[in-house]
């Protein structure tokens, strides 16, 4: 297919056209064989690859990964179009109209001086939209997907509960709750069952997520960065120690050396 396209719109149309060609009867057997369920894992995989490229500040990699992520969106839209449900143009219209509607302080006469003002107004408009469509949630937490990463789910459900006043007042209260949960875990270790200990660990993690929320830290991203830091430091230890076989003292000394090489 021709590559002589210059505008962003033309380039996007080219991607849509390529996807349609792959799904055509004379196209690719693998692409034709896919459905909404089989493509879901690829969407999740590409999302995490985008996050990884951002964490590593790999701009060349991010350029490619964002393209892969857009491909998954176009793939889903193509399958929907084949079933006469909607097409990618409908999706683009929907998101553009939503952005304009939920930013009245930019595209209208409303005022919003802070990011918190914007978030509060966004949630209000979103709730009004659901009411106008006749969508009634059984509970405030029903809109939070249950299959998202647990740290993200914990952050979202606690934020929604906090929005109606079911929350601590300050980080110090959360820290006090953290001490309480640590004590309960220590007590559970003495005589509790595995299920009870598991529950206490879960409670501890939930409080930590709330502490991160109060400190305006994304717990998922914070843990991802710590994971990356551990990978780097352990790699340093692994390169310089005989594993297995090295003593804990030797590995700890190398670990401390590795910390001095952190960016």
Protein backbone atom coordinates (compact mmCIF):
# COMPACT_ATOMS: atom_id res chain seq x y z
CA UNK A 1 0.00 0.00 0.00
CA UNK A 2 1.13 3.54 -0.70
CA UNK A 3 2.98 5.36 2.07
CA UNK A 4 2.72 8.83 0.52
CA UNK A 5 0.59 10.31 3.32
CA UNK A 6 1.45 13.47 5.17
CA UNK A 7 -1.29 14.56 7.57
CA UNK A 8 -2.12 12.87 10.85
CA UNK A 9 -5.63 12.22 9.56
CA UNK A 10 -4.32 10.50 6.45
CA UNK A 11 -1.95 8.39 8.51
CA UNK A 12 -4.76 7.31 10.82
CA UNK A 13 -6.97 6.48 7.84
CA UNK A 14 -4.11 4.37 6.47
CA UNK A 15 -4.02 2.34 9.68
CA UNK A 16 -7.79 1.83 9.54
CA UNK A 17 -7.51 0.77 5.90
CA UNK A 18 -4.72 -1.71 6.63
CA UNK A 19 -6.74 -3.26 9.46
CA UNK A 20 -9.78 -3.62 7.20
CA UNK A 21 -7.61 -5.28 4.56
CA UNK A 22 -6.20 -7.75 7.10
CA UNK A 23 -9.71 -8.70 8.21
CA UNK A 24 -11.05 -9.04 4.65
CA UNK A 25 -11.83 -12.51 3.22
CA UNK A 26 -8.63 -12.33 1.18
CA UNK A 27 -6.62 -10.93 4.08
CA UNK A 28 -4.66 -12.57 6.89
CA UNK A 29 -5.98 -15.89 8.28
CA UNK A 30 -4.79 -15.06 11.80
CA UNK A 31 -6.37 -11.59 11.87
CA UNK A 32 -9.64 -12.94 10.41
CA UNK A 33 -9.75 -15.62 13.10
CA UNK A 34 -9.66 -13.17 16.03
CA UNK A 35 -12.62 -11.92 18.06
CA UNK A 36 -13.22 -9.48 20.93
CA UNK A 37 -12.18 -12.00 23.58
CA UNK A 38 -9.01 -13.24 21.88
CA UNK A 39 -7.72 -9.70 21.35
CA UNK A 40 -8.21 -8.57 24.97
CA UNK A 41 -4.90 -10.05 26.24
CA UNK A 42 -3.01 -8.17 23.51
CA UNK A 43 -4.63 -4.89 24.58
CA UNK A 44 -3.46 -5.47 28.15
CA UNK A 45 0.02 -6.49 26.99
CA UNK A 46 0.43 -3.41 24.81
CA UNK A 47 -0.77 -1.16 27.64
CA UNK A 48 1.91 -2.49 29.97
CA UNK A 49 4.54 -2.15 27.27
CA UNK A 50 3.59 1.52 26.92
CA UNK A 51 3.94 1.97 30.69
CA UNK A 52 7.31 0.23 30.66
CA UNK A 53 8.62 2.48 27.88
CA UNK A 54 7.51 5.55 29.85
CA UNK A 55 9.17 4.29 33.04
CA UNK A 56 12.43 3.76 31.14
CA UNK A 57 12.09 7.11 29.34
CA UNK A 58 12.58 5.15 26.12
CA UNK A 59 11.07 7.65 23.70
CA UNK A 60 11.85 5.60 20.59
CA UNK A 61 10.25 2.59 22.22
CA UNK A 62 7.27 4.67 23.36
CA UNK A 63 6.74 5.90 19.81
CA UNK A 64 6.42 2.30 18.63
CA UNK A 65 4.40 1.07 21.61
CA UNK A 66 1.81 3.85 21.25
CA UNK A 67 1.37 2.76 17.64
CA UNK A 68 0.81 -0.82 18.79
CA UNK A 69 -1.72 0.39 21.36
CA UNK A 70 -3.63 2.34 18.70
CA UNK A 71 -3.63 -0.78 16.54
CA UNK A 72 -5.54 -2.67 19.23
CA UNK A 73 -8.18 0.09 19.39
CA UNK A 74 -8.55 0.03 15.61
CA UNK A 75 -8.74 -3.80 15.69
CA UNK A 76 -11.66 -3.72 18.14
CA UNK A 77 -13.42 -1.00 16.15
CA UNK A 78 -12.99 -2.95 12.89
CA UNK A 79 -14.61 -6.02 14.41
CA UNK A 80 -17.47 -3.86 15.74
CA UNK A 81 -17.92 -2.32 12.29
CA UNK A 82 -18.17 -5.76 10.71
CA UNK A 83 -21.06 -6.52 13.07
CA UNK A 84 -22.72 -3.15 12.31
CA UNK A 85 -22.34 -2.00 15.91
CA UNK A 86 -20.17 1.11 15.37
CA UNK A 87 -16.96 2.12 13.60
CA UNK A 88 -13.79 3.93 14.59
CA UNK A 89 -15.26 7.24 13.47
CA UNK A 90 -18.06 6.84 16.02
CA UNK A 91 -15.48 6.21 18.74
CA UNK A 92 -13.53 9.32 17.75
CA UNK A 93 -16.70 11.42 17.74
CA UNK A 94 -17.67 10.06 21.16
CA UNK A 95 -14.36 10.90 22.83
CA UNK A 96 -14.14 14.37 21.25
CA UNK A 97 -17.68 15.24 22.34
CA UNK A 98 -16.98 13.89 25.82
CA UNK A 99 -13.82 15.98 26.20
CA UNK A 100 -15.66 19.15 25.17
CA UNK A 101 -18.66 18.36 27.39
CA UNK A 102 -16.55 17.59 30.45
CA UNK A 103 -14.30 20.64 30.08
CA UNK A 104 -16.82 23.49 30.28
CA UNK A 105 -14.09 25.63 31.86
CA UNK A 106 -12.19 25.42 28.56
CA UNK A 107 -14.92 25.18 25.92
CA UNK A 108 -17.64 27.04 27.83
CA UNK A 109 -18.18 29.67 30.49
CA UNK A 110 -17.56 27.59 33.62
CA UNK A 111 -14.69 28.26 36.00
CA UNK A 112 -12.16 25.82 37.44
CA UNK A 113 -9.12 27.20 39.22
CA UNK A 114 -7.48 23.99 40.41
CA UNK A 115 -7.04 20.40 39.28
CA UNK A 116 -9.31 19.33 42.15
CA UNK A 117 -12.02 21.67 40.84
CA UNK A 118 -11.71 20.05 37.41
CA UNK A 119 -11.89 16.52 38.85
CA UNK A 120 -14.94 17.34 40.97
CA UNK A 121 -16.75 18.92 38.02
CA UNK A 122 -15.76 15.99 35.76
CA UNK A 123 -17.35 13.54 38.21
CA UNK A 124 -20.51 15.65 38.46
CA UNK A 125 -20.89 15.83 34.69
CA UNK A 126 -20.22 12.12 34.37
CA UNK A 127 -22.95 11.36 36.93
CA UNK A 128 -25.40 13.66 35.10
CA UNK A 129 -24.62 11.89 31.83
CA UNK A 130 -25.47 8.52 33.35
CA UNK A 131 -28.74 9.86 34.74
CA UNK A 132 -29.72 11.29 31.37
CA UNK A 133 -29.12 7.86 29.81
CA UNK A 134 -31.22 6.18 32.47
CA UNK A 135 -28.22 4.34 33.89
CA UNK A 136 -28.63 3.61 37.58
CA UNK A 137 -25.74 2.09 39.48
CA UNK A 138 -26.55 -0.32 42.29
CA UNK A 139 -23.76 1.27 44.33
CA UNK A 140 -21.08 3.88 44.02
CA UNK A 141 -18.39 1.25 43.59
CA UNK A 142 -20.14 -0.65 40.77
CA UNK A 143 -18.43 1.48 38.12
CA UNK A 144 -14.97 0.29 39.23
CA UNK A 145 -14.02 -2.81 37.17
CA UNK A 146 -13.20 -5.86 39.28
CA UNK A 147 -10.60 -7.21 36.83
CA UNK A 148 -8.17 -4.27 37.00
CA UNK A 149 -4.90 -4.54 38.96
CA UNK A 150 -5.69 -4.81 42.66
CA UNK A 151 -3.69 -1.71 43.62
CA UNK A 152 -5.57 0.38 41.06
CA UNK A 153 -8.90 -1.06 42.17
CA UNK A 154 -8.13 -0.27 45.81
CA UNK A 155 -7.19 3.29 44.89
CA UNK A 156 -10.38 3.86 42.90
CA UNK A 157 -12.86 2.33 45.34
CA UNK A 158 -11.33 4.20 48.29
CA UNK A 159 -11.40 7.45 46.29
CA UNK A 160 -15.09 6.98 45.51
CA UNK A 161 -15.86 6.22 49.15
CA UNK A 162 -13.84 9.26 50.19
CA UNK A 163 -15.77 11.49 47.79
CA UNK A 164 -18.87 11.09 49.96
CA UNK A 165 -17.04 11.60 53.25
CA UNK A 166 -16.11 8.02 54.17
CA UNK A 167 -12.43 8.79 54.61
CA UNK A 168 -9.68 9.87 56.95
CA UNK A 169 -9.08 13.57 57.43
CA UNK A 170 -5.30 13.63 57.01
CA UNK A 171 -2.25 11.41 56.33
CA UNK A 172 -1.44 11.19 60.04
CA UNK A 173 -4.69 9.31 60.66
CA UNK A 174 -3.82 6.91 57.86
CA UNK A 175 -0.39 6.32 59.39
CA UNK A 176 -2.08 5.55 62.71
CA UNK A 177 -4.29 3.03 60.93
CA UNK A 178 -1.17 1.56 59.33
CA UNK A 179 0.36 1.00 62.78
CA UNK A 180 -2.90 -0.65 63.87
CA UNK A 181 -2.88 -3.02 60.90
CA UNK A 182 0.80 -3.91 61.48
CA UNK A 183 -0.04 -4.81 65.07
CA UNK A 184 -2.99 -6.94 63.98
CA UNK A 185 -0.79 -8.75 61.46
CA UNK A 186 1.82 -9.42 64.13
CA UNK A 187 -0.86 -10.86 66.41
CA UNK A 188 -2.34 -12.96 63.62
CA UNK A 189 1.02 -14.56 62.94
CA UNK A 190 1.02 -16.05 66.44
CA UNK A 191 -2.04 -18.26 66.15
CA UNK A 192 -4.29 -17.31 63.24
CA UNK A 193 -5.11 -19.44 60.22
CA UNK A 194 -3.63 -18.82 56.79
CA UNK A 195 -6.89 -17.18 55.66
CA UNK A 196 -6.83 -14.78 58.62
CA UNK A 197 -3.19 -13.86 58.01
CA UNK A 198 -3.97 -13.35 54.33
CA UNK A 199 -6.80 -11.03 55.32
CA UNK A 200 -4.54 -8.99 57.57
CA UNK A 201 -1.94 -8.65 54.79
CA UNK A 202 -4.71 -7.48 52.47
CA UNK A 203 -5.87 -4.91 55.05
CA UNK A 204 -2.30 -3.66 55.38
CA UNK A 205 -1.94 -3.25 51.62
CA UNK A 206 -5.27 -1.43 51.42
CA UNK A 207 -4.18 1.10 54.04
CA UNK A 208 -0.88 1.63 52.19
CA UNK A 209 -2.84 2.39 49.02
CA UNK A 210 -4.86 4.97 50.93
CA UNK A 211 -1.70 6.52 52.34
CA UNK A 212 -0.39 6.85 48.79
CA UNK A 213 -3.68 8.47 47.79
CA UNK A 214 -3.40 11.05 50.55
CA UNK A 215 0.18 11.79 49.48
CA UNK A 216 -0.95 12.07 45.83
CA UNK A 217 1.25 9.14 44.80
CA UNK A 218 0.05 6.54 42.29
CA UNK A 219 0.65 3.26 44.17
CA UNK A 220 0.75 1.16 41.00
CA UNK A 221 3.42 3.35 39.43
CA UNK A 222 5.33 3.65 42.71
CA UNK A 223 5.52 -0.14 43.00
CA UNK A 224 6.47 -0.53 39.33
CA UNK A 225 9.38 1.87 39.84
CA UNK A 226 10.48 0.04 42.98
CA UNK A 227 10.32 -3.25 41.05
CA UNK A 228 12.55 -1.73 38.36
CA UNK A 229 14.96 -0.48 41.03
CA UNK A 230 15.11 -3.93 42.63
CA UNK A 231 15.77 -5.54 39.23
CA UNK A 232 18.70 -3.19 38.64
CA UNK A 233 20.25 -3.61 42.08
CA UNK A 234 19.82 -7.39 42.13
CA UNK A 235 21.33 -7.57 38.66
CA UNK A 236 24.40 -5.81 40.07
CA UNK A 237 24.60 -8.37 42.91
CA UNK A 238 24.07 -11.26 40.50
CA UNK A 239 26.92 -10.13 38.25
CA UNK A 240 29.42 -9.92 41.11
CA UNK A 241 28.47 -12.78 43.43
CA UNK A 242 28.36 -16.51 42.93
CA UNK A 243 24.66 -17.37 43.06
CA UNK A 244 23.60 -19.53 44.66
CA UNK A 245 26.37 -19.91 47.19
CA UNK A 246 27.23 -16.36 48.26
CA UNK A 247 26.61 -15.48 51.89
CA UNK A 248 23.91 -13.04 52.90
CA UNK A 249 26.59 -10.67 54.20
CA UNK A 250 28.38 -10.68 50.83
CA UNK A 251 25.15 -10.07 48.94
CA UNK A 252 24.13 -7.28 51.31
CA UNK A 253 27.49 -5.55 50.81
CA UNK A 254 27.04 -5.73 47.04
CA UNK A 255 23.48 -4.46 47.41
CA UNK A 256 24.75 -1.40 49.24
CA UNK A 257 27.29 -0.87 46.46
CA UNK A 258 24.51 -1.13 43.90
CA UNK A 259 22.58 1.65 45.69
CA UNK A 260 25.48 4.04 45.04
CA UNK A 261 25.00 3.50 41.30
CA UNK A 262 21.30 4.47 41.30
CA UNK A 263 20.47 7.27 38.91
